[in-house]
Structures are given as C-alpha cells and as structure tokens.
Amino acid sequence: MSSQYRNVEVAPVHFVPLRLLRRVPAREGKVLCAHRTRAPVEVDQAKWDAALPHLPTVGPVRMRGAL
C-alpha cells in the first residue's frame, strides 16, 4: 500500500483517521496528511509517530437500511 492511515489525536480524546501524503510540508517537524476529500493538513511528526494504525475492519459494522 502506497499510503498509510493512522488515527491521529487532533485534540484531547479526539482521533481522526488521516492518510499520509507523499508531499513534503514547508515546515520542519511536520508531516502532510489528508482526511477523505478535505484539504491537506500539517500534523506534528511526533503525533503521527505515536498514532495507532487505522483499521477500518475493526469495530461495529454499519449497513444502510439494516434495522
């Protein structure tokens, strides 16, 4: 897989699944990430390294039209 997904903490106890982009950010100590179709965001390298991998198959499965 060319891109990586991780659950990055953006605020205390608030995690967002982000995808690492290949582009290099302008500032040192930052990585460039994206969330779905939103604009890229710079995240601290330390937060990215500490984040757990995003596993979309873990957790409850939601199906449209089910119950």
N, C-alpha and C. Protein backbone atom coordinates (compact mmCIF):
# COMPACT_ATOMS: atom_id res chain seq x y z
N MET A 1 0.84 -1.18 0.00
CA MET A 1 0.00 0.00 0.00
C MET A 1 0.89 1.24 0.00
N SER A 2 0.62 2.15 -0.92
CA SER A 2 1.48 3.32 -1.05
C SER A 2 1.20 4.37 0.02
N SER A 3 0.01 4.37 0.57
CA SER A 3 -0.31 5.36 1.60
C SER A 3 -0.58 4.65 2.93
N GLN A 4 -0.40 5.39 4.00
CA GLN A 4 -0.63 4.85 5.33
C GLN A 4 -1.77 5.61 5.98
N TYR A 5 -2.57 4.90 6.76
CA TYR A 5 -3.66 5.50 7.51
C TYR A 5 -3.41 5.31 8.99
N ARG A 6 -3.60 6.36 9.78
CA ARG A 6 -3.46 6.26 11.24
C ARG A 6 -4.52 7.12 11.91
N ASN A 7 -4.88 6.73 13.14
CA ASN A 7 -5.82 7.52 13.95
C ASN A 7 -5.01 8.52 14.76
N VAL A 8 -4.96 9.75 14.30
CA VAL A 8 -4.14 10.80 14.91
C VAL A 8 -5.00 11.61 15.87
N GLU A 9 -4.45 11.89 17.05
CA GLU A 9 -5.16 12.69 18.05
C GLU A 9 -5.00 14.17 17.69
N VAL A 10 -6.09 14.81 17.30
CA VAL A 10 -6.05 16.22 16.92
C VAL A 10 -6.43 17.14 18.07
N ALA A 11 -7.12 16.61 19.05
CA ALA A 11 -7.49 17.32 20.27
C ALA A 11 -7.56 16.26 21.37
N PRO A 12 -7.55 16.66 22.64
CA PRO A 12 -7.62 15.66 23.70
C PRO A 12 -8.82 14.73 23.52
N VAL A 13 -8.55 13.45 23.42
CA VAL A 13 -9.53 12.37 23.28
C VAL A 13 -10.36 12.51 21.98
N HIS A 14 -9.81 13.12 20.95
CA HIS A 14 -10.49 13.23 19.66
C HIS A 14 -9.53 12.76 18.56
N PHE A 15 -9.85 11.60 17.99
CA PHE A 15 -8.98 10.99 16.99
C PHE A 15 -9.63 11.07 15.61
N VAL A 16 -8.81 11.31 14.59
CA VAL A 16 -9.28 11.39 13.21
C VAL A 16 -8.42 10.46 12.36
N PRO A 17 -9.04 9.62 11.52
CA PRO A 17 -8.24 8.79 10.62
C PRO A 17 -7.64 9.66 9.51
N LEU A 18 -6.33 9.71 9.44
CA LEU A 18 -5.64 10.53 8.44
C LEU A 18 -4.76 9.66 7.57
N ARG A 19 -4.57 10.12 6.34
CA ARG A 19 -3.73 9.43 5.37
C ARG A 19 -2.48 10.26 5.16
N LEU A 20 -1.32 9.61 5.19
CA LEU A 20 -0.05 10.30 4.98
C LEU A 20 0.13 10.58 3.49
N LEU A 21 0.46 11.83 3.16
CA LEU A 21 0.70 12.22 1.78
C LEU A 21 2.19 12.17 1.48
N ARG A 22 2.52 11.99 0.24
CA ARG A 22 3.93 11.92 -0.17
C ARG A 22 4.60 13.28 -0.25
N ARG A 23 3.80 14.33 -0.38
CA ARG A 23 4.38 15.67 -0.49
C ARG A 23 5.06 16.08 0.81
N VAL A 24 6.13 16.83 0.70
CA VAL A 24 6.88 17.30 1.86
C VAL A 24 6.32 18.65 2.29
N PRO A 25 6.00 18.82 3.60
CA PRO A 25 5.48 20.12 4.05
C PRO A 25 6.58 21.17 4.11
N ALA A 26 6.16 22.41 4.17
CA ALA A 26 7.11 23.53 4.17
C ALA A 26 7.85 23.66 5.50
N ARG A 27 7.23 23.23 6.61
CA ARG A 27 7.84 23.41 7.93
C ARG A 27 8.51 22.12 8.40
N GLU A 28 9.59 22.27 9.15
CA GLU A 28 10.32 21.13 9.71
C GLU A 28 9.54 20.51 10.86
N GLY A 29 9.63 19.19 11.04
CA GLY A 29 8.96 18.52 12.14
C GLY A 29 7.48 18.28 11.90
N LYS A 30 7.03 18.47 10.68
CA LYS A 30 5.62 18.27 10.34
C LYS A 30 5.51 17.24 9.23
N VAL A 31 4.35 16.58 9.14
CA VAL A 31 4.03 15.71 8.02
C VAL A 31 2.72 16.20 7.42
N LEU A 32 2.53 15.93 6.15
CA LEU A 32 1.33 16.37 5.46
C LEU A 32 0.35 15.21 5.38
N CYS A 33 -0.87 15.42 5.89
CA CYS A 33 -1.89 14.39 5.94
C CYS A 33 -3.18 14.91 5.33
N ALA A 34 -4.06 13.97 4.96
CA ALA A 34 -5.36 14.33 4.41
C ALA A 34 -6.41 13.44 5.02
N HIS A 35 -7.65 13.95 5.08
CA HIS A 35 -8.79 13.21 5.58
C HIS A 35 -9.86 13.24 4.51
N ARG A 36 -10.03 12.13 3.83
CA ARG A 36 -11.02 11.98 2.74
C ARG A 36 -10.83 13.04 1.69
N THR A 37 -11.81 13.90 1.48
CA THR A 37 -11.72 14.90 0.41
C THR A 37 -11.35 16.28 0.92
N ARG A 38 -10.99 16.40 2.19
CA ARG A 38 -10.64 17.71 2.74
C ARG A 38 -9.23 18.11 2.35
N ALA A 39 -8.95 19.38 2.51
CA ALA A 39 -7.63 19.90 2.17
C ALA A 39 -6.55 19.28 3.06
N PRO A 40 -5.32 19.15 2.56
CA PRO A 40 -4.23 18.59 3.38
C PRO A 40 -3.97 19.43 4.63
N VAL A 41 -3.54 18.73 5.69
CA VAL A 41 -3.29 19.35 6.98
C VAL A 41 -1.88 18.98 7.43
N GLU A 42 -1.18 19.94 8.05
CA GLU A 42 0.13 19.64 8.63
C GLU A 42 -0.06 19.16 10.06
N VAL A 43 0.56 18.02 10.39
CA VAL A 43 0.48 17.42 11.72
C VAL A 43 1.89 17.23 12.24
N ASP A 44 2.08 17.38 13.55
CA ASP A 44 3.40 17.16 14.14
C ASP A 44 3.88 15.74 13.86
N GLN A 45 5.15 15.61 13.55
CA GLN A 45 5.74 14.29 13.29
C GLN A 45 5.59 13.38 14.51
N ALA A 46 5.72 13.94 15.71
CA ALA A 46 5.60 13.15 16.94
C ALA A 46 4.19 12.58 17.10
N LYS A 47 3.16 13.37 16.77
CA LYS A 47 1.78 12.88 16.85
C LYS A 47 1.54 11.77 15.84
N TRP A 48 2.10 11.92 14.63
CA TRP A 48 1.95 10.89 13.61
C TRP A 48 2.63 9.59 14.05
N ASP A 49 3.83 9.70 14.60
CA ASP A 49 4.57 8.52 15.04
C ASP A 49 3.87 7.81 16.20
N ALA A 50 3.22 8.56 17.08
CA ALA A 50 2.55 7.98 18.25
C ALA A 50 1.18 7.40 17.92
N ALA A 51 0.64 7.74 16.76
CA ALA A 51 -0.71 7.29 16.40
C ALA A 51 -0.74 5.81 16.06
N LEU A 52 -1.87 5.17 16.39
CA LEU A 52 -2.08 3.77 16.05
C LEU A 52 -2.57 3.64 14.62
N PRO A 53 -2.25 2.52 13.96
CA PRO A 53 -2.75 2.32 12.59
C PRO A 53 -4.28 2.30 12.56
N HIS A 54 -4.85 2.85 11.51
CA HIS A 54 -6.30 2.87 11.34
C HIS A 54 -6.72 1.56 10.67
N LEU A 55 -7.53 0.77 11.35
CA LEU A 55 -8.02 -0.49 10.82
C LEU A 55 -9.52 -0.39 10.62
N PRO A 56 -9.96 -0.14 9.39
CA PRO A 56 -11.39 0.06 9.17
C PRO A 56 -12.24 -1.19 9.40
N THR A 57 -11.64 -2.37 9.49
CA THR A 57 -12.41 -3.59 9.69
C THR A 57 -12.71 -3.85 11.16
N VAL A 58 -12.12 -3.06 12.06
CA VAL A 58 -12.32 -3.25 13.50
C VAL A 58 -13.49 -2.38 13.95
N GLY A 59 -14.36 -2.93 14.77
CA GLY A 59 -15.47 -2.15 15.31
C GLY A 59 -16.80 -2.55 14.71
N PRO A 60 -17.85 -1.85 15.10
CA PRO A 60 -19.18 -2.20 14.62
C PRO A 60 -19.32 -1.92 13.12
N VAL A 61 -20.06 -2.77 12.47
CA VAL A 61 -20.30 -2.61 11.03
C VAL A 61 -21.66 -1.96 10.84
N ARG A 62 -21.69 -0.87 10.12
CA ARG A 62 -22.94 -0.17 9.87
C ARG A 62 -23.37 -0.43 8.43
N MET A 63 -24.59 -0.89 8.28
CA MET A 63 -25.13 -1.14 6.95
C MET A 63 -26.33 -0.26 6.71
N ARG A 64 -26.40 0.31 5.56
CA ARG A 64 -27.50 1.18 5.20
C ARG A 64 -28.78 0.34 5.06
N GLY A 65 -29.83 0.73 5.71
CA GLY A 65 -31.11 0.04 5.60
C GLY A 65 -31.28 -1.12 6.55
N ALA A 66 -30.26 -1.41 7.36
CA ALA A 66 -30.38 -2.53 8.30
C ALA A 66 -30.93 -2.02 9.63
N LEU A 67 -32.00 -2.55 10.04
CA LEU A 67 -32.68 -2.20 11.29
C LEU A 67 -32.65 -0.71 11.47
